[in-house]
Amino acid sequence: MSEIFGLHGRLLAQPGKGDELEAILLEAAKALEADDDCFLYVVSRQSDNPEAVWVTEAWTSREAHRASLEDEA
């Protein structure tokens, strides 16, 4: 099996904008459903910080992830 490229990171929204950031990232997750190179894209919230949104991703390669960032969807 080839190696998988993964990311796990926290994004901090401006005060009061955590829900808005989450919505944007969930929209991105929906767009990635059609991308065969994306194995996993999970958006989650941090219970003790309403502005923190976590994203966990798994891709076929670093290049596939990089290409996804150029996609307008």
PDB file of N, CA and C in Angstrom:
ATOM      1  N   MET A   1       0.843  -1.181   0.000  1.00  0.00           N
ATOM      2  CA  MET A   1       0.000   0.000   0.000  1.00  0.00           C
ATOM      3  C   MET A   1       0.890   1.247   0.000  1.00  0.00           C
ATOM      4  N   SER A   2       0.505   2.218  -0.787  1.00  0.00           N
ATOM      5  CA  SER A   2       1.277   3.462  -0.825  1.00  0.00           C
ATOM      6  C   SER A   2       0.983   4.298   0.417  1.00  0.00           C
ATOM      7  N   GLU A   3       1.831   5.263   0.646  1.00  0.00           N
ATOM      8  CA  GLU A   3       1.651   6.124   1.812  1.00  0.00           C
ATOM      9  C   GLU A   3       0.488   7.079   1.613  1.00  0.00           C
ATOM     10  N   ILE A   4      -0.128   7.451   2.702  1.00  0.00           N
ATOM     11  CA  ILE A   4      -1.243   8.393   2.712  1.00  0.00           C
ATOM     12  C   ILE A   4      -0.756   9.688   3.333  1.00  0.00           C
ATOM     13  N   PHE A   5      -1.218  10.796   2.788  1.00  0.00           N
ATOM     14  CA  PHE A   5      -0.881  12.108   3.334  1.00  0.00           C
ATOM     15  C   PHE A   5      -2.031  12.556   4.231  1.00  0.00           C
ATOM     16  N   GLY A   6      -1.713  12.953   5.456  1.00  0.00           N
ATOM     17  CA  GLY A   6      -2.750  13.372   6.388  1.00  0.00           C
ATOM     18  C   GLY A   6      -2.427  14.684   7.072  1.00  0.00           C
ATOM     19  N   LEU A   7      -3.471  15.351   7.488  1.00  0.00           N
ATOM     20  CA  LEU A   7      -3.365  16.608   8.227  1.00  0.00           C
ATOM     21  C   LEU A   7      -4.369  16.588   9.371  1.00  0.00           C
ATOM     22  N   HIS A   8      -3.985  17.210  10.465  1.00  0.00           N
ATOM     23  CA  HIS A   8      -4.905  17.395  11.591  1.00  0.00           C
ATOM     24  C   HIS A   8      -4.538  18.739  12.198  1.00  0.00           C
ATOM     25  N   GLY A   9      -5.463  19.671  12.145  1.00  0.00           N
ATOM     26  CA  GLY A   9      -5.116  20.994  12.644  1.00  0.00           C
ATOM     27  C   GLY A   9      -6.306  21.752  13.188  1.00  0.00           C
ATOM     28  N   ARG A  10      -5.982  22.748  13.985  1.00  0.00           N
ATOM     29  CA  ARG A  10      -6.997  23.600  14.604  1.00  0.00           C
ATOM     30  C   ARG A  10      -6.956  24.968  13.939  1.00  0.00           C
ATOM     31  N   LEU A  11      -8.127  25.467  13.597  1.00  0.00           N
ATOM     32  CA  LEU A  11      -8.274  26.817  13.083  1.00  0.00           C
ATOM     33  C   LEU A  11      -9.020  27.619  14.129  1.00  0.00           C
ATOM     34  N   LEU A  12      -8.589  28.842  14.366  1.00  0.00           N
ATOM     35  CA  LEU A  12      -9.252  29.713  15.328  1.00  0.00           C
ATOM     36  C   LEU A  12      -9.953  30.839  14.586  1.00  0.00           C
ATOM     37  N   ALA A  13     -11.255  30.912  14.771  1.00  0.00           N
ATOM     38  CA  ALA A  13     -12.058  31.962  14.146  1.00  0.00           C
ATOM     39  C   ALA A  13     -11.930  33.255  14.946  1.00  0.00           C
ATOM     40  N   GLN A  14     -12.278  34.340  14.305  1.00  0.00           N
ATOM     41  CA  GLN A  14     -12.384  35.611  15.007  1.00  0.00           C
ATOM     42  C   GLN A  14     -13.480  35.467  16.068  1.00  0.00           C
ATOM     43  N   PRO A  15     -13.432  36.251  17.138  1.00  0.00           N
ATOM     44  CA  PRO A  15     -14.449  36.140  18.193  1.00  0.00           C
ATOM     45  C   PRO A  15     -15.885  36.187  17.625  1.00  0.00           C
ATOM     46  N   GLY A  16     -16.670  35.210  18.023  1.00  0.00           N
ATOM     47  CA  GLY A  16     -18.065  35.130  17.597  1.00  0.00           C
ATOM     48  C   GLY A  16     -18.275  34.531  16.222  1.00  0.00           C
ATOM     49  N   LYS A  17     -17.210  34.060  15.570  1.00  0.00           N
ATOM     50  CA  LYS A  17     -17.311  33.561  14.192  1.00  0.00           C
ATOM     51  C   LYS A  17     -17.061  32.053  14.070  1.00  0.00           C
ATOM     52  N   GLY A  18     -17.041  31.338  15.177  1.00  0.00           N
ATOM     53  CA  GLY A  18     -16.786  29.897  15.137  1.00  0.00           C
ATOM     54  C   GLY A  18     -17.797  29.135  14.308  1.00  0.00           C
ATOM     55  N   ASP A  19     -19.070  29.467  14.457  1.00  0.00           N
ATOM     56  CA  ASP A  19     -20.106  28.776  13.685  1.00  0.00           C
ATOM     57  C   ASP A  19     -19.964  29.064  12.194  1.00  0.00           C
ATOM     58  N   GLU A  20     -19.603  30.287  11.857  1.00  0.00           N
ATOM     59  CA  GLU A  20     -19.414  30.658  10.455  1.00  0.00           C
ATOM     60  C   GLU A  20     -18.234  29.896   9.838  1.00  0.00           C
ATOM     61  N   LEU A  21     -17.145  29.792  10.570  1.00  0.00           N
ATOM     62  CA  LEU A  21     -15.991  29.039  10.088  1.00  0.00           C
ATOM     63  C   LEU A  21     -16.350  27.568   9.907  1.00  0.00           C
ATOM     64  N   GLU A  22     -17.058  27.012  10.867  1.00  0.00           N
ATOM     65  CA  GLU A  22     -17.482  25.617  10.760  1.00  0.00           C
ATOM     66  C   GLU A  22     -18.323  25.415   9.506  1.00  0.00           C
ATOM     67  N   ALA A  23     -19.249  26.303   9.231  1.00  0.00           N
ATOM     68  CA  ALA A  23     -20.116  26.179   8.059  1.00  0.00           C
ATOM     69  C   ALA A  23     -19.309  26.196   6.760  1.00  0.00           C
ATOM     70  N   ILE A  24     -18.315  27.067   6.691  1.00  0.00           N
ATOM     71  CA  ILE A  24     -17.463  27.139   5.497  1.00  0.00           C
ATOM     72  C   ILE A  24     -16.714  25.823   5.299  1.00  0.00           C
ATOM     73  N   LEU A  25     -16.173  25.285   6.386  1.00  0.00           N
ATOM     74  CA  LEU A  25     -15.409  24.040   6.290  1.00  0.00           C
ATOM     75  C   LEU A  25     -16.304  22.846   5.972  1.00  0.00           C
ATOM     76  N   LEU A  26     -17.535  22.850   6.470  1.00  0.00           N
ATOM     77  CA  LEU A  26     -18.474  21.782   6.137  1.00  0.00           C
ATOM     78  C   LEU A  26     -18.875  21.853   4.667  1.00  0.00           C
ATOM     79  N   GLU A  27     -18.954  23.058   4.124  1.00  0.00           N
ATOM     80  CA  GLU A  27     -19.226  23.233   2.696  1.00  0.00           C
ATOM     81  C   GLU A  27     -18.068  22.648   1.880  1.00  0.00           C
ATOM     82  N   ALA A  28     -16.842  22.887   2.336  1.00  0.00           N
ATOM     83  CA  ALA A  28     -15.674  22.307   1.670  1.00  0.00           C
ATOM     84  C   ALA A  28     -15.721  20.785   1.737  1.00  0.00           C
ATOM     85  N   ALA A  29     -16.124  20.248   2.880  1.00  0.00           N
ATOM     86  CA  ALA A  29     -16.222  18.798   3.037  1.00  0.00           C
ATOM     87  C   ALA A  29     -17.217  18.223   2.035  1.00  0.00           C
ATOM     88  N   LYS A  30     -18.322  18.896   1.856  1.00  0.00           N
ATOM     89  CA  LYS A  30     -19.339  18.441   0.902  1.00  0.00           C
ATOM     90  C   LYS A  30     -18.763  18.417  -0.515  1.00  0.00           C
ATOM     91  N   ALA A  31     -18.019  19.455  -0.883  1.00  0.00           N
ATOM     92  CA  ALA A  31     -17.417  19.525  -2.215  1.00  0.00           C
ATOM     93  C   ALA A  31     -16.401  18.404  -2.426  1.00  0.00           C
ATOM     94  N   LEU A  32     -15.738  17.964  -1.361  1.00  0.00           N
ATOM     95  CA  LEU A  32     -14.706  16.934  -1.483  1.00  0.00           C
ATOM     96  C   LEU A  32     -15.270  15.514  -1.602  1.00  0.00           C
ATOM     97  N   GLU A  33     -16.572  15.362  -1.397  1.00  0.00           N
ATOM     98  CA  GLU A  33     -17.166  14.025  -1.506  1.00  0.00           C
ATOM     99  C   GLU A  33     -16.937  13.416  -2.884  1.00  0.00           C
ATOM    100  N   ALA A  34     -16.821  14.246  -3.912  1.00  0.00           N
ATOM    101  CA  ALA A  34     -16.622  13.759  -5.276  1.00  0.00           C
ATOM    102  C   ALA A  34     -15.151  13.556  -5.621  1.00  0.00           C
ATOM    103  N   ASP A  35     -14.254  13.894  -4.722  1.00  0.00           N
ATOM    104  CA  ASP A  35     -12.814  13.787  -4.976  1.00  0.00           C
ATOM    105  C   ASP A  35     -12.310  12.426  -4.502  1.00  0.00           C
ATOM    106  N   ASP A  36     -11.986  11.565  -5.445  1.00  0.00           N
ATOM    107  CA  ASP A  36     -11.527  10.212  -5.103  1.00  0.00           C
ATOM    108  C   ASP A  36     -10.197  10.197  -4.362  1.00  0.00           C
ATOM    109  N   ASP A  37      -9.441  11.287  -4.422  1.00  0.00           N
ATOM    110  CA  ASP A  37      -8.161  11.359  -3.720  1.00  0.00           C
ATOM    111  C   ASP A  37      -8.308  11.700  -2.244  1.00  0.00           C
ATOM    112  N   CYS A  38      -9.500  12.119  -1.833  1.00  0.00           N
ATOM    113  CA  CYS A  38      -9.752  12.467  -0.438  1.00  0.00           C
ATOM    114  C   CYS A  38     -10.429  11.286   0.257  1.00  0.00           C
ATOM    115  N   PHE A  39      -9.711  10.659   1.181  1.00  0.00           N
ATOM    116  CA  PHE A  39     -10.265   9.536   1.933  1.00  0.00           C
ATOM    117  C   PHE A  39     -11.089   9.994   3.126  1.00  0.00           C
ATOM    118  N   LEU A  40     -10.710  11.139   3.709  1.00  0.00           N
ATOM    119  CA  LEU A  40     -11.329  11.580   4.954  1.00  0.00           C
ATOM    120  C   LEU A  40     -11.230  13.090   5.067  1.00  0.00           C
ATOM    121  N   TYR A  41     -12.328  13.724   5.457  1.00  0.00           N
ATOM    122  CA  TYR A  41     -12.325  15.161   5.760  1.00  0.00           C
ATOM    123  C   TYR A  41     -13.361  15.359   6.861  1.00  0.00           C
ATOM    124  N   VAL A  42     -12.885  15.517   8.076  1.00  0.00           N
ATOM    125  CA  VAL A  42     -13.755  15.602   9.248  1.00  0.00           C
ATOM    126  C   VAL A  42     -13.591  16.974   9.894  1.00  0.00           C
ATOM    127  N   VAL A  43     -14.719  17.613  10.156  1.00  0.00           N
ATOM    128  CA  VAL A  43     -14.738  18.906  10.835  1.00  0.00           C
ATOM    129  C   VAL A  43     -15.309  18.678  12.222  1.00  0.00           C
ATOM    130  N   SER A  44     -14.629  19.181  13.239  1.00  0.00           N
ATOM    131  CA  SER A  44     -15.131  19.027  14.606  1.00  0.00           C
ATOM    132  C   SER A  44     -14.877  20.302  15.395  1.00  0.00           C
ATOM    133  N   ARG A  45     -15.579  20.413  16.507  1.00  0.00           N
ATOM    134  CA  ARG A  45     -15.466  21.599  17.355  1.00  0.00           C
ATOM    135  C   ARG A  45     -14.810  21.242  18.670  1.00  0.00           C
ATOM    136  N   GLN A  46     -14.235  22.234  19.299  1.00  0.00           N
ATOM    137  CA  GLN A  46     -13.583  22.073  20.592  1.00  0.00           C
ATOM    138  C   GLN A  46     -14.562  22.559  21.655  1.00  0.00           C
ATOM    139  N   SER A  47     -14.938  21.690  22.576  1.00  0.00           N
ATOM    140  CA  SER A  47     -16.004  22.007  23.528  1.00  0.00           C
ATOM    141  C   SER A  47     -15.678  23.171  24.464  1.00  0.00           C
ATOM    142  N   ASP A  48     -14.412  23.388  24.741  1.00  0.00           N
ATOM    143  CA  ASP A  48     -14.059  24.454  25.684  1.00  0.00           C
ATOM    144  C   ASP A  48     -13.624  25.757  25.003  1.00  0.00           C
ATOM    145  N   ASN A  49     -13.746  25.821  23.668  1.00  0.00           N
ATOM    146  CA  ASN A  49     -13.387  27.038  22.943  1.00  0.00           C
ATOM    147  C   ASN A  49     -14.314  27.165  21.726  1.00  0.00           C
ATOM    148  N   PRO A  50     -15.321  28.030  21.792  1.00  0.00           N
ATOM    149  CA  PRO A  50     -16.303  28.129  20.709  1.00  0.00           C
ATOM    150  C   PRO A  50     -15.735  28.646  19.391  1.00  0.00           C
ATOM    151  N   GLU A  51     -14.531  29.183  19.408  1.00  0.00           N
ATOM    152  CA  GLU A  51     -13.930  29.699  18.171  1.00  0.00           C
ATOM    153  C   GLU A  51     -12.986  28.689  17.518  1.00  0.00           C
ATOM    154  N   ALA A  52     -12.733  27.573  18.179  1.00  0.00           N
ATOM    155  CA  ALA A  52     -11.801  26.566  17.656  1.00  0.00           C
ATOM    156  C   ALA A  52     -12.542  25.524  16.821  1.00  0.00           C
ATOM    157  N   VAL A  53     -12.053  25.314  15.607  1.00  0.00           N
ATOM    158  CA  VAL A  53     -12.594  24.298  14.710  1.00  0.00           C
ATOM    159  C   VAL A  53     -11.423  23.434  14.250  1.00  0.00           C
ATOM    160  N   TRP A  54     -11.580  22.129  14.390  1.00  0.00           N
ATOM    161  CA  TRP A  54     -10.534  21.182  14.004  1.00  0.00           C
ATOM    162  C   TRP A  54     -10.897  20.526  12.677  1.00  0.00           C
ATOM    163  N   VAL A  55      -9.887  20.269  11.859  1.00  0.00           N
ATOM    164  CA  VAL A  55     -10.077  19.556  10.601  1.00  0.00           C
ATOM    165  C   VAL A  55      -9.065  18.418  10.547  1.00  0.00           C
ATOM    166  N   THR A  56      -9.567  17.236  10.216  1.00  0.00           N
ATOM    167  CA  THR A  56      -8.725  16.059  10.025  1.00  0.00           C
ATOM    168  C   THR A  56      -8.929  15.585   8.591  1.00  0.00           C
ATOM    169  N   GLU A  57      -7.822  15.412   7.866  1.00  0.00           N
ATOM    170  CA  GLU A  57      -7.890  15.036   6.459  1.00  0.00           C
ATOM    171  C   GLU A  57      -6.956  13.872   6.172  1.00  0.00           C
ATOM    172  N   ALA A  58      -7.340  13.020   5.215  1.00  0.00           N
ATOM    173  CA  ALA A  58      -6.469  11.962   4.701  1.00  0.00           C
ATOM    174  C   ALA A  58      -6.619  11.946   3.180  1.00  0.00           C
ATOM    175  N   TRP A  59      -5.451  11.947   2.499  1.00  0.00           N
ATOM    176  CA  TRP A  59      -5.396  12.053   1.040  1.00  0.00           C
ATOM    177  C   TRP A  59      -4.511  10.973   0.457  1.00  0.00           C
ATOM    178  N   THR A  60      -4.686  10.715  -0.829  1.00  0.00           N
ATOM    179  CA  THR A  60      -3.827   9.742  -1.507  1.00  0.00           C
ATOM    180  C   THR A  60      -2.384  10.221  -1.558  1.00  0.00           C
ATOM    181  N   SER A  61      -2.178  11.554  -1.565  1.00  0.00           N
ATOM    182  CA  SER A  61      -0.820  12.099  -1.626  1.00  0.00           C
ATOM    183  C   SER A  61      -0.834  13.581  -1.247  1.00  0.00           C
ATOM    184  N   ARG A  62       0.335  14.101  -0.955  1.00  0.00           N
ATOM    185  CA  ARG A  62       0.486  15.533  -0.684  1.00  0.00           C
ATOM    186  C   ARG A  62       0.071  16.340  -1.919  1.00  0.00           C
ATOM    187  N   GLU A  63       0.420  15.839  -3.095  1.00  0.00           N
ATOM    188  CA  GLU A  63       0.091  16.537  -4.334  1.00  0.00           C
ATOM    189  C   GLU A  63      -1.421  16.615  -4.539  1.00  0.00           C
ATOM    190  N   ALA A  64      -2.134  15.548  -4.205  1.00  0.00           N
ATOM    191  CA  ALA A  64      -3.591  15.550  -4.337  1.00  0.00           C
ATOM    192  C   ALA A  64      -4.209  16.587  -3.403  1.00  0.00           C
ATOM    193  N   HIS A  65      -3.687  16.670  -2.196  1.00  0.00           N
ATOM    194  CA  HIS A  65      -4.181  17.679  -1.265  1.00  0.00           C
ATOM    195  C   HIS A  65      -3.908  19.074  -1.816  1.00  0.00           C
ATOM    196  N   ARG A  66      -2.700  19.299  -2.281  1.00  0.00           N
ATOM    197  CA  ARG A  66      -2.322  20.605  -2.828  1.00  0.00           C
ATOM    198  C   ARG A  66      -3.232  20.980  -4.005  1.00  0.00           C
ATOM    199  N   ALA A  67      -3.526  20.022  -4.867  1.00  0.00           N
ATOM    200  CA  ALA A  67      -4.398  20.281  -6.024  1.00  0.00           C
ATOM    201  C   ALA A  67      -5.807  20.642  -5.573  1.00  0.00           C
ATOM    202  N   SER A  68      -6.254  20.065  -4.471  1.00  0.00           N
ATOM    203  CA  SER A  68      -7.612  20.354  -3.981  1.00  0.00           C
ATOM    204  C   SER A  68      -7.740  21.808  -3.542  1.00  0.00           C
ATOM    205  N   LEU A  69      -6.660  22.409  -3.115  1.00  0.00           N
ATOM    206  CA  LEU A  69      -6.692  23.793  -2.665  1.00  0.00           C
ATOM    207  C   LEU A  69      -6.844  24.760  -3.840  1.00  0.00           C
ATOM    208  N   GLU A  70      -6.570  24.281  -5.045  1.00  0.00           N
ATOM    209  CA  GLU A  70      -6.717  25.106  -6.242  1.00  0.00           C
ATOM    210  C   GLU A  70      -8.122  25.000  -6.847  1.00  0.00           C
ATOM    211  N   ASP A  71      -8.904  24.019  -6.382  1.00  0.00           N
ATOM    212  CA  ASP A  71     -10.253  23.793  -6.897  1.00  0.00           C
ATOM    213  C   ASP A  71     -11.199  24.860  -6.367  1.00  0.00           C
ATOM    214  N   GLU A  72     -11.915  25.532  -7.254  1.00  0.00           N
ATOM    215  CA  GLU A  72     -12.820  26.607  -6.834  1.00  0.00           C
ATOM    216  C   GLU A  72     -13.937  26.107  -5.931  1.00  0.00           C
ATOM    217  N   ALA A  73     -14.362  24.853  -6.089  1.00  0.00           N
ATOM    218  CA  ALA A  73     -15.433  24.312  -5.241  1.00  0.00           C
ATOM    219  C   ALA A  73     -14.970  24.246  -3.806  1.00  0.00           C
TER     220      ALA A  73
END
